[in-house]
Amino acid sequence: MIIEEELYRTILRSVPIACVDVVIRNPSGRYLLVRRKNEPLAGEWWVVGGRVHHGETLLDAVSRKMREEVGVEAAGPVFMGVYEDRFDRNAFDVGEYHTVSMVFGVEIGAAPSIRLDCQSDDWKWATTLPKRFSSRLLGAEKVSKIKANN
């Protein structure tokens, strides 16, 4: 379902957008990152992910984003935590853009064939996740520490 552009601008100004992000790792423990072409974060190396569609489960969104963005099938996604962010640049020029992402980890085979969609212009295997992403990721181990301190 496509939302009319002006209505979508109103939504972006009004509420956080529900997303999934996918931390894809190969058997060597490296992370698959794509270089974004679009705002937010144009030109930055980032994990696969994006908006959850109305009526779509989180796991279905993970599978769809992996297929669409890098041409890889998901196998056994595992919930890792929540990534929340606010961006002052976006493709719709609406001011601050607020996202809340459910983050899933996926292990893939040794040599998948990566096929990028139009949202990215390059990909790489990295030893670390982007700092902005990892510093804002609220994962299970952080949740456990917070609960222990309360």
N, C-alpha and C. Protein backbone atom coordinates (compact mmCIF):
# COMPACT_ATOMS: atom_id res chain seq x y z
N MET A 1 0.84 -1.17 0.00
CA MET A 1 0.00 0.00 0.00
C MET A 1 0.89 1.24 0.00
N ILE A 2 0.64 2.16 -0.88
CA ILE A 2 1.38 3.41 -0.98
C ILE A 2 0.56 4.52 -0.32
N ILE A 3 1.19 5.28 0.57
CA ILE A 3 0.52 6.40 1.22
C ILE A 3 0.79 7.65 0.39
N GLU A 4 -0.24 8.44 0.15
CA GLU A 4 -0.11 9.69 -0.58
C GLU A 4 0.94 10.55 0.13
N GLU A 5 1.78 11.24 -0.65
CA GLU A 5 2.95 11.91 -0.11
C GLU A 5 2.63 12.95 0.96
N GLU A 6 1.63 13.77 0.77
CA GLU A 6 1.32 14.80 1.77
C GLU A 6 0.83 14.18 3.09
N LEU A 7 0.04 13.10 2.99
CA LEU A 7 -0.39 12.39 4.19
C LEU A 7 0.83 11.79 4.90
N TYR A 8 1.77 11.23 4.13
CA TYR A 8 2.96 10.65 4.75
C TYR A 8 3.79 11.72 5.45
N ARG A 9 3.89 12.91 4.87
CA ARG A 9 4.60 14.01 5.53
C ARG A 9 3.96 14.34 6.88
N THR A 10 2.63 14.34 6.91
CA THR A 10 1.91 14.61 8.16
C THR A 10 2.21 13.51 9.18
N ILE A 11 2.21 12.27 8.74
CA ILE A 11 2.53 11.15 9.64
C ILE A 11 3.94 11.31 10.19
N LEU A 12 4.91 11.62 9.34
CA LEU A 12 6.30 11.77 9.78
C LEU A 12 6.46 12.88 10.82
N ARG A 13 5.66 13.95 10.70
CA ARG A 13 5.73 15.05 11.65
C ARG A 13 5.03 14.70 12.97
N SER A 14 4.19 13.66 12.96
CA SER A 14 3.29 13.41 14.08
C SER A 14 3.68 12.25 14.99
N VAL A 15 4.21 11.17 14.43
CA VAL A 15 4.44 9.97 15.23
C VAL A 15 5.76 9.30 14.82
N PRO A 16 6.35 8.52 15.74
CA PRO A 16 7.53 7.73 15.35
C PRO A 16 7.13 6.69 14.31
N ILE A 17 8.07 6.34 13.46
CA ILE A 17 7.85 5.34 12.43
C ILE A 17 8.41 4.00 12.91
N ALA A 18 7.60 2.95 12.82
CA ALA A 18 8.03 1.60 13.22
C ALA A 18 8.88 0.99 12.11
N CYS A 19 10.05 0.48 12.49
CA CYS A 19 10.99 -0.08 11.53
C CYS A 19 11.58 -1.39 12.06
N VAL A 20 12.26 -2.10 11.17
CA VAL A 20 13.12 -3.20 11.56
C VAL A 20 14.52 -2.88 11.04
N ASP A 21 15.53 -3.27 11.80
CA ASP A 21 16.91 -3.23 11.34
C ASP A 21 17.45 -4.64 11.47
N VAL A 22 18.32 -5.03 10.53
CA VAL A 22 18.80 -6.41 10.50
C VAL A 22 20.33 -6.40 10.55
N VAL A 23 20.86 -7.00 11.60
CA VAL A 23 22.30 -7.16 11.76
C VAL A 23 22.65 -8.52 11.15
N ILE A 24 23.21 -8.48 9.94
CA ILE A 24 23.53 -9.70 9.19
C ILE A 24 25.00 -10.02 9.42
N ARG A 25 25.27 -11.24 9.90
CA ARG A 25 26.66 -11.67 10.15
C ARG A 25 26.99 -12.90 9.33
N ASN A 26 28.24 -12.93 8.86
CA ASN A 26 28.72 -14.11 8.14
C ASN A 26 29.43 -15.05 9.12
N PRO A 27 29.86 -16.23 8.67
CA PRO A 27 30.52 -17.18 9.59
C PRO A 27 31.81 -16.63 10.21
N SER A 28 32.43 -15.62 9.60
CA SER A 28 33.64 -15.01 10.17
C SER A 28 33.32 -13.97 11.24
N GLY A 29 32.03 -13.73 11.47
CA GLY A 29 31.64 -12.74 12.47
C GLY A 29 31.62 -11.32 11.97
N ARG A 30 31.73 -11.14 10.66
CA ARG A 30 31.70 -9.79 10.09
C ARG A 30 30.26 -9.39 9.78
N TYR A 31 30.01 -8.09 9.80
CA TYR A 31 28.68 -7.54 9.59
C TYR A 31 28.53 -7.01 8.17
N LEU A 32 27.39 -7.29 7.57
CA LEU A 32 27.08 -6.76 6.24
C LEU A 32 26.53 -5.35 6.39
N LEU A 33 27.23 -4.38 5.80
CA LEU A 33 26.79 -2.99 5.81
C LEU A 33 26.58 -2.52 4.38
N VAL A 34 25.61 -1.64 4.20
CA VAL A 34 25.35 -1.03 2.90
C VAL A 34 25.55 0.48 3.02
N ARG A 35 26.02 1.09 1.94
CA ARG A 35 26.18 2.56 1.94
C ARG A 35 24.90 3.17 1.38
N ARG A 36 24.23 3.94 2.23
CA ARG A 36 22.92 4.50 1.90
C ARG A 36 23.02 5.61 0.86
N LYS A 37 22.06 5.61 -0.07
CA LYS A 37 21.96 6.69 -1.06
C LYS A 37 20.95 7.75 -0.61
N ASN A 38 20.00 7.36 0.22
CA ASN A 38 18.90 8.24 0.61
C ASN A 38 19.06 8.75 2.04
N GLU A 39 18.42 9.88 2.31
CA GLU A 39 18.32 10.36 3.69
C GLU A 39 17.27 9.54 4.41
N PRO A 40 17.37 9.35 5.70
CA PRO A 40 18.47 9.85 6.52
C PRO A 40 19.74 9.03 6.32
N LEU A 41 20.85 9.62 6.68
CA LEU A 41 22.16 8.97 6.66
C LEU A 41 22.70 8.69 5.25
N ALA A 42 22.36 9.51 4.28
CA ALA A 42 22.90 9.34 2.93
C ALA A 42 24.43 9.37 2.99
N GLY A 43 25.06 8.40 2.30
CA GLY A 43 26.51 8.29 2.27
C GLY A 43 27.12 7.52 3.43
N GLU A 44 26.31 7.14 4.41
CA GLU A 44 26.80 6.41 5.59
C GLU A 44 26.68 4.90 5.38
N TRP A 45 27.58 4.16 6.03
CA TRP A 45 27.50 2.70 6.06
C TRP A 45 26.50 2.33 7.14
N TRP A 46 25.56 1.44 6.81
CA TRP A 46 24.47 1.13 7.73
C TRP A 46 24.02 -0.30 7.58
N VAL A 47 23.21 -0.77 8.51
CA VAL A 47 22.63 -2.10 8.44
C VAL A 47 21.40 -2.07 7.53
N VAL A 48 20.98 -3.23 7.09
CA VAL A 48 19.77 -3.37 6.28
C VAL A 48 18.57 -3.07 7.16
N GLY A 49 17.56 -2.43 6.60
CA GLY A 49 16.35 -2.19 7.38
C GLY A 49 15.46 -1.14 6.78
N GLY A 50 14.32 -0.95 7.44
CA GLY A 50 13.37 0.05 6.99
C GLY A 50 12.02 -0.12 7.64
N ARG A 51 11.04 0.59 7.11
CA ARG A 51 9.70 0.63 7.69
C ARG A 51 9.00 -0.72 7.66
N VAL A 52 8.17 -0.92 8.67
CA VAL A 52 7.28 -2.08 8.72
C VAL A 52 5.97 -1.66 8.05
N HIS A 53 5.47 -2.46 7.14
CA HIS A 53 4.20 -2.16 6.47
C HIS A 53 3.02 -2.52 7.35
N HIS A 54 1.91 -1.82 7.15
CA HIS A 54 0.67 -2.11 7.87
C HIS A 54 0.27 -3.57 7.65
N GLY A 55 -0.01 -4.28 8.73
CA GLY A 55 -0.42 -5.67 8.63
C GLY A 55 0.71 -6.68 8.50
N GLU A 56 1.94 -6.21 8.43
CA GLU A 56 3.10 -7.07 8.26
C GLU A 56 3.69 -7.40 9.63
N THR A 57 4.04 -8.67 9.86
CA THR A 57 4.71 -9.02 11.11
C THR A 57 6.16 -8.53 11.06
N LEU A 58 6.78 -8.41 12.23
CA LEU A 58 8.18 -7.99 12.27
C LEU A 58 9.07 -8.97 11.52
N LEU A 59 8.83 -10.28 11.70
CA LEU A 59 9.67 -11.27 11.01
C LEU A 59 9.47 -11.23 9.50
N ASP A 60 8.24 -10.97 9.05
CA ASP A 60 8.01 -10.81 7.62
C ASP A 60 8.72 -9.56 7.09
N ALA A 61 8.74 -8.49 7.89
CA ALA A 61 9.44 -7.28 7.48
C ALA A 61 10.94 -7.53 7.38
N VAL A 62 11.51 -8.30 8.32
CA VAL A 62 12.93 -8.66 8.25
C VAL A 62 13.22 -9.40 6.95
N SER A 63 12.43 -10.40 6.65
CA SER A 63 12.64 -11.17 5.41
C SER A 63 12.51 -10.29 4.17
N ARG A 64 11.49 -9.44 4.16
CA ARG A 64 11.27 -8.56 2.99
C ARG A 64 12.44 -7.59 2.82
N LYS A 65 12.89 -6.95 3.91
CA LYS A 65 13.99 -5.99 3.79
C LYS A 65 15.28 -6.66 3.34
N MET A 66 15.55 -7.87 3.81
CA MET A 66 16.75 -8.58 3.37
C MET A 66 16.67 -8.92 1.88
N ARG A 67 15.51 -9.40 1.45
CA ARG A 67 15.33 -9.72 0.02
C ARG A 67 15.44 -8.47 -0.84
N GLU A 68 14.72 -7.41 -0.46
CA GLU A 68 14.70 -6.20 -1.25
C GLU A 68 16.05 -5.49 -1.30
N GLU A 69 16.70 -5.34 -0.16
CA GLU A 69 17.89 -4.49 -0.09
C GLU A 69 19.18 -5.18 -0.50
N VAL A 70 19.30 -6.49 -0.21
CA VAL A 70 20.56 -7.17 -0.53
C VAL A 70 20.37 -8.52 -1.23
N GLY A 71 19.13 -8.93 -1.49
CA GLY A 71 18.87 -10.17 -2.22
C GLY A 71 19.24 -11.42 -1.46
N VAL A 72 19.15 -11.38 -0.12
CA VAL A 72 19.50 -12.52 0.71
C VAL A 72 18.26 -12.96 1.48
N GLU A 73 18.10 -14.27 1.63
CA GLU A 73 16.98 -14.82 2.40
C GLU A 73 17.33 -14.89 3.88
N ALA A 74 16.36 -14.57 4.73
CA ALA A 74 16.54 -14.64 6.17
C ALA A 74 16.37 -16.07 6.66
N ALA A 75 17.20 -16.46 7.61
CA ALA A 75 17.08 -17.78 8.23
C ALA A 75 17.21 -17.61 9.73
N GLY A 76 16.11 -17.80 10.44
CA GLY A 76 16.13 -17.77 11.90
C GLY A 76 16.51 -16.45 12.52
N PRO A 77 15.85 -15.34 12.17
CA PRO A 77 16.18 -14.07 12.81
C PRO A 77 15.97 -14.15 14.33
N VAL A 78 16.88 -13.53 15.08
CA VAL A 78 16.82 -13.52 16.54
C VAL A 78 16.70 -12.07 17.01
N PHE A 79 15.73 -11.80 17.86
CA PHE A 79 15.54 -10.44 18.37
C PHE A 79 16.74 -10.03 19.22
N MET A 80 17.30 -8.85 18.92
CA MET A 80 18.48 -8.35 19.62
C MET A 80 18.18 -7.17 20.54
N GLY A 81 17.19 -6.37 20.19
CA GLY A 81 16.92 -5.18 21.00
C GLY A 81 16.19 -4.13 20.19
N VAL A 82 16.28 -2.90 20.68
CA VAL A 82 15.57 -1.77 20.07
C VAL A 82 16.57 -0.67 19.76
N TYR A 83 16.43 -0.08 18.58
CA TYR A 83 17.24 1.06 18.18
C TYR A 83 16.29 2.22 17.92
N GLU A 84 16.49 3.31 18.64
CA GLU A 84 15.64 4.49 18.46
C GLU A 84 16.53 5.65 18.06
N ASP A 85 16.04 6.46 17.11
CA ASP A 85 16.85 7.59 16.66
C ASP A 85 15.95 8.70 16.15
N ARG A 86 16.54 9.89 16.09
CA ARG A 86 15.89 11.05 15.48
C ARG A 86 16.88 11.61 14.47
N PHE A 87 16.36 11.94 13.31
CA PHE A 87 17.20 12.46 12.24
C PHE A 87 16.68 13.83 11.83
N ASP A 88 17.57 14.76 11.58
CA ASP A 88 17.12 16.07 11.13
C ASP A 88 17.09 16.20 9.62
N ARG A 89 17.58 15.18 8.92
CA ARG A 89 17.50 15.15 7.44
C ARG A 89 16.72 13.91 7.04
N ASN A 90 15.85 14.08 6.05
CA ASN A 90 15.08 12.95 5.55
C ASN A 90 14.66 13.23 4.12
N ALA A 91 14.21 12.22 3.44
CA ALA A 91 13.85 12.34 2.03
C ALA A 91 12.63 13.22 1.81
N PHE A 92 11.84 13.47 2.86
CA PHE A 92 10.60 14.23 2.71
C PHE A 92 10.70 15.65 3.26
N ASP A 93 11.88 16.05 3.75
CA ASP A 93 12.13 17.41 4.22
C ASP A 93 11.03 17.89 5.17
N VAL A 94 10.79 17.11 6.24
CA VAL A 94 9.74 17.45 7.20
C VAL A 94 10.30 17.85 8.56
N GLY A 95 11.58 18.12 8.64
CA GLY A 95 12.17 18.41 9.94
C GLY A 95 12.55 17.11 10.62
N GLU A 96 12.45 17.08 11.93
CA GLU A 96 12.87 15.89 12.67
C GLU A 96 12.04 14.67 12.29
N TYR A 97 12.75 13.57 12.12
CA TYR A 97 12.16 12.29 11.71
C TYR A 97 12.53 11.30 12.80
N HIS A 98 11.55 10.67 13.43
CA HIS A 98 11.76 9.81 14.60
C HIS A 98 11.43 8.37 14.22
N THR A 99 12.38 7.46 14.44
CA THR A 99 12.15 6.04 14.15
C THR A 99 12.39 5.20 15.39
N VAL A 100 11.64 4.11 15.48
CA VAL A 100 11.84 3.10 16.51
C VAL A 100 11.97 1.77 15.77
N SER A 101 13.14 1.15 15.88
CA SER A 101 13.42 -0.09 15.14
C SER A 101 13.55 -1.27 16.09
N MET A 102 12.90 -2.35 15.73
CA MET A 102 13.14 -3.63 16.38
C MET A 102 14.32 -4.23 15.63
N VAL A 103 15.36 -4.60 16.35
CA VAL A 103 16.60 -5.07 15.72
C VAL A 103 16.68 -6.59 15.83
N PHE A 104 16.97 -7.22 14.70
CA PHE A 104 17.11 -8.67 14.63
C PHE A 104 18.48 -9.03 14.10
N GLY A 105 19.06 -10.11 14.62
CA GLY A 105 20.32 -10.64 14.12
C GLY A 105 20.06 -11.85 13.26
N VAL A 106 20.83 -11.97 12.19
CA VAL A 106 20.70 -13.09 11.27
C VAL A 106 22.10 -13.57 10.89
N GLU A 107 22.33 -14.88 10.99
CA GLU A 107 23.58 -15.48 10.52
C GLU A 107 23.33 -16.02 9.12
N ILE A 108 24.26 -15.74 8.20
CA ILE A 108 24.09 -16.24 6.84
C ILE A 108 25.31 -17.07 6.43
N GLY A 109 25.18 -17.76 5.30
CA GLY A 109 26.25 -18.62 4.79
C GLY A 109 27.49 -17.86 4.38
N ALA A 110 28.50 -18.61 4.03
CA ALA A 110 29.84 -18.06 3.78
C ALA A 110 29.91 -17.09 2.61
N ALA A 111 29.26 -17.37 1.51
CA ALA A 111 29.45 -16.53 0.33
C ALA A 111 28.14 -16.22 -0.38
N PRO A 112 27.25 -15.46 0.26
CA PRO A 112 26.00 -15.14 -0.41
C PRO A 112 26.25 -14.17 -1.57
N SER A 113 25.41 -14.23 -2.55
CA SER A 113 25.48 -13.28 -3.65
C SER A 113 24.68 -12.05 -3.24
N ILE A 114 25.34 -10.92 -3.08
CA ILE A 114 24.69 -9.69 -2.65
C ILE A 114 24.19 -8.93 -3.87
N ARG A 115 22.92 -8.56 -3.84
CA ARG A 115 22.29 -7.81 -4.94
C ARG A 115 21.62 -6.58 -4.33
N LEU A 116 22.19 -5.40 -4.53
CA LEU A 116 21.68 -4.17 -3.94
C LEU A 116 20.47 -3.63 -4.68
N ASP A 117 19.56 -3.00 -3.93
CA ASP A 117 18.45 -2.30 -4.56
C ASP A 117 18.86 -0.84 -4.78
N CYS A 118 17.91 0.02 -5.15
CA CYS A 118 18.22 1.40 -5.49
C CYS A 118 18.50 2.28 -4.28
N GLN A 119 18.36 1.77 -3.06
CA GLN A 119 18.58 2.58 -1.87
C GLN A 119 20.05 2.64 -1.44
N SER A 120 20.87 1.75 -1.99
CA SER A 120 22.28 1.68 -1.60
C SER A 120 23.16 1.65 -2.83
N ASP A 121 24.40 2.12 -2.68
CA ASP A 121 25.30 2.11 -3.84
C ASP A 121 26.54 1.25 -3.64
N ASP A 122 26.69 0.64 -2.46
CA ASP A 122 27.83 -0.24 -2.22
C ASP A 122 27.54 -1.07 -0.97
N TRP A 123 28.35 -2.11 -0.78
CA TRP A 123 28.23 -2.96 0.41
C TRP A 123 29.61 -3.45 0.81
N LYS A 124 29.73 -3.87 2.08
CA LYS A 124 31.00 -4.40 2.56
C LYS A 124 30.75 -5.26 3.79
N TRP A 125 31.75 -6.10 4.10
CA TRP A 125 31.76 -6.84 5.36
C TRP A 125 32.63 -6.04 6.32
N ALA A 126 32.11 -5.73 7.50
CA ALA A 126 32.83 -4.90 8.47
C ALA A 126 33.02 -5.66 9.78
N THR A 127 34.06 -5.29 10.51
CA THR A 127 34.33 -5.94 11.80
C THR A 127 33.50 -5.32 12.93
N THR A 128 33.00 -4.11 12.72
CA THR A 128 32.18 -3.44 13.73
C THR A 128 30.95 -2.84 13.08
N LEU A 129 29.95 -2.63 13.91
CA LEU A 129 28.73 -1.95 13.46
C LEU A 129 28.96 -0.44 13.51
N PRO A 130 28.17 0.34 12.75
CA PRO A 130 28.33 1.80 12.82
C PRO A 130 28.18 2.29 14.26
N LYS A 131 29.02 3.23 14.64
CA LYS A 131 29.03 3.72 16.02
C LYS A 131 27.68 4.30 16.43
N ARG A 132 27.06 5.08 15.56
CA ARG A 132 25.76 5.67 15.88
C ARG A 132 24.74 4.58 16.19
N PHE A 133 24.79 3.49 15.41
CA PHE A 133 23.87 2.37 15.61
C PHE A 133 24.15 1.66 16.93
N SER A 134 25.39 1.25 17.14
CA SER A 134 25.72 0.47 18.34
C SER A 134 25.55 1.28 19.62
N SER A 135 25.79 2.59 19.57
CA SER A 135 25.67 3.41 20.78
C SER A 135 24.22 3.63 21.18
N ARG A 136 23.29 3.51 20.24
CA ARG A 136 21.87 3.73 20.53
C ARG A 136 21.07 2.43 20.64
N LEU A 137 21.72 1.30 20.44
CA LEU A 137 21.04 0.01 20.50
C LEU A 137 20.80 -0.38 21.95
N LEU A 138 19.55 -0.54 22.32
CA LEU A 138 19.20 -1.02 23.65
C LEU A 138 18.91 -2.50 23.51
N GLY A 139 19.89 -3.32 23.88
CA GLY A 139 19.79 -4.76 23.71
C GLY A 139 19.49 -5.48 25.01
N ALA A 140 19.33 -6.77 24.91
CA ALA A 140 18.96 -7.60 26.05
C ALA A 140 19.96 -7.47 27.19
N GLU A 141 21.28 -7.40 26.87
CA GLU A 141 22.27 -7.30 27.94
C GLU A 141 22.17 -5.96 28.65
N LYS A 142 21.84 -4.89 27.93
CA LYS A 142 21.67 -3.58 28.57
C LYS A 142 20.40 -3.57 29.40
N VAL A 143 19.34 -4.20 28.90
CA VAL A 143 18.09 -4.27 29.64
C VAL A 143 18.32 -4.99 30.95
N SER A 144 19.08 -6.10 30.94
CA SER A 144 19.38 -6.86 32.16
C SER A 144 20.11 -5.99 33.18
N LYS A 145 21.09 -5.19 32.73
CA LYS A 145 21.83 -4.33 33.64
C LYS A 145 20.94 -3.26 34.24
N ILE A 146 20.04 -2.70 33.43
CA ILE A 146 19.12 -1.67 33.93
C ILE A 146 18.21 -2.27 35.00
N LYS A 147 17.67 -3.44 34.74
CA LYS A 147 16.79 -4.10 35.72
C LYS A 147 17.54 -4.42 37.01
N ALA A 148 18.80 -4.83 36.90
CA ALA A 148 19.59 -5.18 38.08
C ALA A 148 19.87 -3.96 38.95
N ASN A 149 19.93 -2.78 38.33
CA ASN A 149 20.23 -1.56 39.07
C ASN A 149 18.99 -0.90 39.67
N ASN A 150 17.82 -1.40 39.38
CA ASN A 150 16.57 -0.79 39.91
C ASN A 150 16.04 -1.54 41.08
